[in-house]
Amino acid sequence: MDKRFIVDRFEEDYVVVEYGDETFNLPRVIFPDDISEGNVIDILIRINYEETELRRKRINNLARKLFRRE
């Protein structure tokens, strides 16, 4: 089975990417302007721990305010 990410086609604001036997619709805005059908692409995913922690703190603060007894 071929396990490369390949641009299959464009549908409105999405790029349809094949990976093996599966397809994924990804937002067009995350791709470079010169992307085209048939391109083989590399995808790097990493966790942004700093932003994750800030988001967790904001959500916890909102939850505390929402469920605070008065």
Protein backbone atom coordinates (compact mmCIF):
# COMPACT_ATOMS: atom_id res chain seq x y z
CA MET A 1 0.00 0.00 0.00
CA ASP A 2 1.27 3.46 -0.93
CA LYS A 3 1.49 5.58 2.24
CA ARG A 4 2.24 9.01 0.80
CA PHE A 5 0.05 12.07 1.05
CA ILE A 6 -1.08 12.94 -2.47
CA VAL A 7 -3.25 15.87 -3.55
CA ASP A 8 -6.19 14.28 -5.37
CA ARG A 9 -8.38 17.28 -6.16
CA PHE A 10 -9.85 20.57 -4.99
CA GLU A 11 -13.42 20.95 -3.73
CA GLU A 12 -14.44 24.54 -2.97
CA ASP A 13 -12.28 25.64 0.00
CA TYR A 14 -10.79 22.18 0.56
CA VAL A 15 -7.93 20.12 -0.77
CA VAL A 16 -8.76 16.42 -0.97
CA VAL A 17 -5.67 14.47 0.07
CA GLU A 18 -5.22 10.73 -0.38
CA TYR A 19 -3.30 8.67 2.15
CA GLY A 20 -3.32 5.00 1.28
CA ASP A 21 -6.95 3.97 0.87
CA GLU A 22 -8.33 7.00 2.74
CA THR A 23 -9.07 10.57 1.72
CA PHE A 24 -9.12 13.69 3.87
CA ASN A 25 -10.58 17.13 3.23
CA LEU A 26 -8.15 19.73 4.52
CA PRO A 27 -8.66 23.51 4.47
CA ARG A 28 -7.17 25.12 1.37
CA VAL A 29 -5.71 27.98 3.42
CA ILE A 30 -3.09 25.72 5.06
CA PHE A 31 -1.49 24.89 1.70
CA PRO A 32 0.95 26.96 -0.34
CA ASP A 33 -0.53 28.90 -3.26
CA ASP A 34 1.23 26.74 -5.86
CA ILE A 35 -0.29 23.42 -4.70
CA SER A 36 -1.68 21.34 -7.54
CA GLU A 37 -3.32 18.00 -8.19
CA GLY A 38 -0.89 15.12 -8.06
CA ASN A 39 1.55 16.84 -5.71
CA VAL A 40 3.09 14.58 -3.09
CA ILE A 41 3.12 16.51 0.19
CA ASP A 42 4.85 16.15 3.53
CA ILE A 43 2.78 16.73 6.65
CA LEU A 44 4.46 17.49 9.97
CA ILE A 45 2.32 17.50 13.09
CA ARG A 46 3.66 18.68 16.42
CA ILE A 47 2.01 19.54 19.70
CA ASN A 48 2.18 23.17 20.80
CA TYR A 49 2.43 22.59 24.55
CA GLU A 50 2.59 26.28 25.42
CA GLU A 51 -0.65 27.16 23.60
CA THR A 52 -2.30 24.00 24.93
CA GLU A 53 -1.55 25.05 28.51
CA LEU A 54 -2.81 28.62 27.93
CA ARG A 55 -6.02 27.25 26.43
CA ARG A 56 -6.50 24.84 29.34
CA LYS A 57 -6.09 27.69 31.84
CA ARG A 58 -8.59 29.92 30.00
CA ILE A 59 -11.16 27.12 29.90
CA ASN A 60 -10.66 26.31 33.59
CA ASN A 61 -11.09 29.99 34.50
CA LEU A 62 -14.29 30.23 32.47
CA ALA A 63 -15.63 27.03 34.05
CA ARG A 64 -14.86 28.34 37.55
CA LYS A 65 -16.74 31.58 36.81
CA LEU A 66 -19.67 29.74 35.26
CA PHE A 67 -20.12 27.26 38.11
CA ARG A 68 -19.21 29.57 40.99
CA ARG A 69 -21.78 29.58 43.76
CA GLU A 70 -22.99 33.00 44.81
